[in-house]
C-alpha atoms as a PDB file:
ATOM      1  CA  MET A   1     -10.078  20.248 -19.321  1.00  0.00           C
ATOM      2  CA  HIS A   2     -13.505  21.544 -19.480  1.00  0.00           C
ATOM      3  CA  TYR A   3     -13.213  21.823 -15.735  1.00  0.00           C
ATOM      4  CA  GLN A   4     -11.684  24.370 -12.928  1.00  0.00           C
ATOM      5  CA  LEU A   5     -10.570  22.322  -9.922  1.00  0.00           C
ATOM      6  CA  VAL A   6      -9.864  24.468  -7.047  1.00  0.00           C
ATOM      7  CA  ILE A   7      -7.701  23.384  -3.498  1.00  0.00           C
ATOM      8  CA  GLN A   8      -8.528  26.209  -0.879  1.00  0.00           C
ATOM      9  CA  PHE A   9      -6.667  26.567   2.517  1.00  0.00           C
ATOM     10  CA  ALA A  10      -7.903  29.080   4.946  1.00  0.00           C
ATOM     11  CA  VAL A  11      -4.669  31.200   5.458  1.00  0.00           C
ATOM     12  CA  ASP A  12      -3.275  34.743   7.210  1.00  0.00           C
ATOM     13  CA  ALA A  13      -1.608  36.545   4.906  1.00  0.00           C
ATOM     14  CA  ASP A  14       0.741  37.444   7.916  1.00  0.00           C
ATOM     15  CA  ASP A  15       1.662  33.978   8.638  1.00  0.00           C
ATOM     16  CA  GLU A  16       4.482  34.099   6.185  1.00  0.00           C
ATOM     17  CA  GLU A  17       5.602  30.618   7.028  1.00  0.00           C
ATOM     18  CA  ARG A  18       2.804  28.816   6.054  1.00  0.00           C
ATOM     19  CA  LEU A  19       2.077  30.399   3.304  1.00  0.00           C
ATOM     20  CA  ALA A  20       5.596  29.208   1.826  1.00  0.00           C
ATOM     21  CA  ARG A  21       4.837  26.004   3.077  1.00  0.00           C
ATOM     22  CA  LEU A  22       1.640  25.555   0.776  1.00  0.00           C
ATOM     23  CA  ILE A  23       2.731  27.205  -2.057  1.00  0.00           C
ATOM     24  CA  GLU A  24       5.662  24.787  -2.396  1.00  0.00           C
ATOM     25  CA  ILE A  25       2.271  21.891  -1.714  1.00  0.00           C
ATOM     26  CA  GLU A  26       1.240  23.873  -5.336  1.00  0.00           C
ATOM     27  CA  GLY A  27       4.815  22.916  -6.382  1.00  0.00           C
ATOM     28  CA  ARG A  28       4.804  19.248  -6.255  1.00  0.00           C
ATOM     29  CA  MET A  29       1.273  19.371  -7.595  1.00  0.00           C
ATOM     30  CA  ASP A  30       2.369  21.005 -10.096  1.00  0.00           C
ATOM     31  CA  ARG A  31       5.147  18.437 -11.221  1.00  0.00           C
ATOM     32  CA  ALA A  32       3.802  15.780 -10.665  1.00  0.00           C
ATOM     33  CA  ALA A  33       1.028  16.347 -12.369  1.00  0.00           C
ATOM     34  CA  ASP A  34       0.226  14.554 -15.337  1.00  0.00           C
ATOM     35  CA  ALA A  35      -0.202  17.142 -17.866  1.00  0.00           C
ATOM     36  CA  GLU A  36      -2.653  14.971 -20.300  1.00  0.00           C
ATOM     37  CA  THR A  37      -5.229  14.783 -17.637  1.00  0.00           C
ATOM     38  CA  VAL A  38      -4.575  17.510 -15.459  1.00  0.00           C
ATOM     39  CA  GLU A  39      -2.813  20.840 -15.888  1.00  0.00           C
ATOM     40  CA  VAL A  40      -1.840  22.679 -12.126  1.00  0.00           C
ATOM     41  CA  ASP A  41      -2.458  26.414 -13.460  1.00  0.00           C
ATOM     42  CA  GLY A  42      -0.829  28.568  -9.801  1.00  0.00           C
ATOM     43  CA  PHE A  43      -2.663  29.700  -7.086  1.00  0.00           C
ATOM     44  CA  ASP A  44      -3.888  32.771  -5.561  1.00  0.00           C
ATOM     45  CA  PHE A  45      -4.377  34.169  -1.590  1.00  0.00           C
ATOM     46  CA  GLY A  46      -6.325  36.661  -0.239  1.00  0.00           C
ATOM     47  CA  ALA A  47      -9.268  37.384   1.984  1.00  0.00           C
ATOM     48  CA  GLY A  48      -8.099  34.860   4.051  1.00  0.00           C
ATOM     49  CA  GLU A  49      -7.307  31.741   1.755  1.00  0.00           C
ATOM     50  CA  MET A  50      -4.928  30.094  -0.691  1.00  0.00           C
ATOM     51  CA  ASN A  51      -6.436  28.843  -3.643  1.00  0.00           C
ATOM     52  CA  ILE A  52      -4.387  26.179  -5.867  1.00  0.00           C
ATOM     53  CA  PHE A  53      -6.524  26.076  -9.606  1.00  0.00           C
ATOM     54  CA  ALA A  54      -6.299  23.066 -11.915  1.00  0.00           C
ATOM     55  CA  TYR A  55      -7.623  22.067 -14.998  1.00  0.00           C
ATOM     56  CA  THR A  56      -8.844  18.945 -15.682  1.00  0.00           C
ATOM     57  CA  GLY A  57     -11.187  16.562 -17.673  1.00  0.00           C
ATOM     58  CA  ASP A  58     -12.011  14.518 -14.238  1.00  0.00           C
ATOM     59  CA  PRO A  59     -12.158  16.513 -11.519  1.00  0.00           C
ATOM     60  CA  LYS A  60     -12.481  13.222  -8.530  1.00  0.00           C
ATOM     61  CA  ALA A  61      -9.415  11.768 -10.783  1.00  0.00           C
ATOM     62  CA  ALA A  62      -7.696  14.420 -10.274  1.00  0.00           C
ATOM     63  CA  LEU A  63      -8.576  15.366  -6.880  1.00  0.00           C
ATOM     64  CA  GLU A  64      -7.164  12.166  -5.984  1.00  0.00           C
ATOM     65  CA  ALA A  65      -4.145  12.283  -7.364  1.00  0.00           C
ATOM     66  CA  LEU A  66      -3.266  15.658  -6.231  1.00  0.00           C
ATOM     67  CA  ARG A  67      -4.282  14.809  -2.494  1.00  0.00           C
ATOM     68  CA  THR A  68      -1.428  13.123  -1.854  1.00  0.00           C
ATOM     69  CA  HIS A  69       0.705  16.299  -1.967  1.00  0.00           C
ATOM     70  CA  ILE A  70      -1.632  17.902   0.895  1.00  0.00           C
ATOM     71  CA  PRO A  71       0.344  16.946   4.368  1.00  0.00           C
ATOM     72  CA  PRO A  72      -2.127  15.078   6.580  1.00  0.00           C
ATOM     73  CA  ASP A  73      -2.234  17.606   9.439  1.00  0.00           C
ATOM     74  CA  GLU A  74      -3.759  20.225   6.739  1.00  0.00           C
ATOM     75  CA  SER A  75      -7.123  21.813   6.600  1.00  0.00           C
ATOM     76  CA  TRP A  76      -8.298  22.166   3.279  1.00  0.00           C
ATOM     77  CA  ARG A  77     -11.337  21.260   0.584  1.00  0.00           C
ATOM     78  CA  ALA A  78     -12.087  21.169  -2.897  1.00  0.00           C
ATOM     79  CA  ALA A  79     -14.657  21.826  -5.437  1.00  0.00           C
ATOM     80  CA  TYR A  80     -15.156  22.292  -9.120  1.00  0.00           C
ATOM     81  CA  ARG A  81     -16.877  23.646 -11.929  1.00  0.00           C
ATOM     82  CA  GLY A  82     -17.381  23.864 -15.298  1.00  0.00           C
ATOM     83  CA  VAL A  83     -14.922  26.566 -16.978  1.00  0.00           C
ATOM     84  CA  ASP A  84     -18.361  28.574 -18.502  1.00  0.00           C
ATOM     85  CA  ASP A  85     -19.816  27.684 -15.290  1.00  0.00           C
ATOM     86  CA  GLU A  86     -20.214  29.829 -12.140  1.00  0.00           C
ATOM     87  CA  ASP A  87     -21.645  27.457  -9.307  1.00  0.00           C
ATOM     88  CA  TYR A  88     -18.560  25.138  -7.599  1.00  0.00           C
ATOM     89  CA  ILE A  89     -19.229  21.795  -6.740  1.00  0.00           C
ATOM     90  CA  VAL A  90     -18.077  20.433  -3.909  1.00  0.00           C
ATOM     91  CA  LEU A  91     -16.087  17.695  -3.513  1.00  0.00           C
ATOM     92  CA  PHE A  92     -14.352  17.431   0.142  1.00  0.00           C
ATOM     93  CA  PRO A  93     -15.057  17.539   2.700  1.00  0.00           C
ATOM     94  CA  PRO A  94     -18.362  15.211   2.725  1.00  0.00           C
ATOM     95  CA  GLY A  95     -21.164  17.996   3.897  1.00  0.00           C
ATOM     96  CA  LEU A  96     -19.914  21.205   3.051  1.00  0.00           C
ATOM     97  CA  ASP A  97     -22.488  23.020   1.166  1.00  0.00           C
ATOM     98  CA  ALA A  98     -21.173  25.786  -0.237  1.00  0.00           C
ATOM     99  CA  PHE A  99     -18.158  26.555  -1.397  1.00  0.00           C
ATOM    100  CA  GLU A 100     -16.469  30.363  -2.695  1.00  0.00           C
ATOM    101  CA  VAL A 101     -13.728  31.728  -4.336  1.00  0.00           C
ATOM    102  CA  ALA A 102     -13.054  35.390  -2.835  1.00  0.00           C
END
């Protein structure tokens, strides 16, 4: 698993209901992940964002599998990088130029 995939949501730390919902999404992803192809490695939140981290050998396939657990009304974005790299490559949404993890 040579890549880190990050699925990112904007979140206000004071919005406890939304934060709980996003944590539930991470839990569903973790339970559904095929351990041989993707390992969901938890989440963090702060600076207005929540990030779900996963490790995989195929970031595009991992995202396709994990995104089925994101409700259609959620706004999110995703990118990946090599585990030893600094720069992210955006996967979603199309046209997003930059991706950072605070």
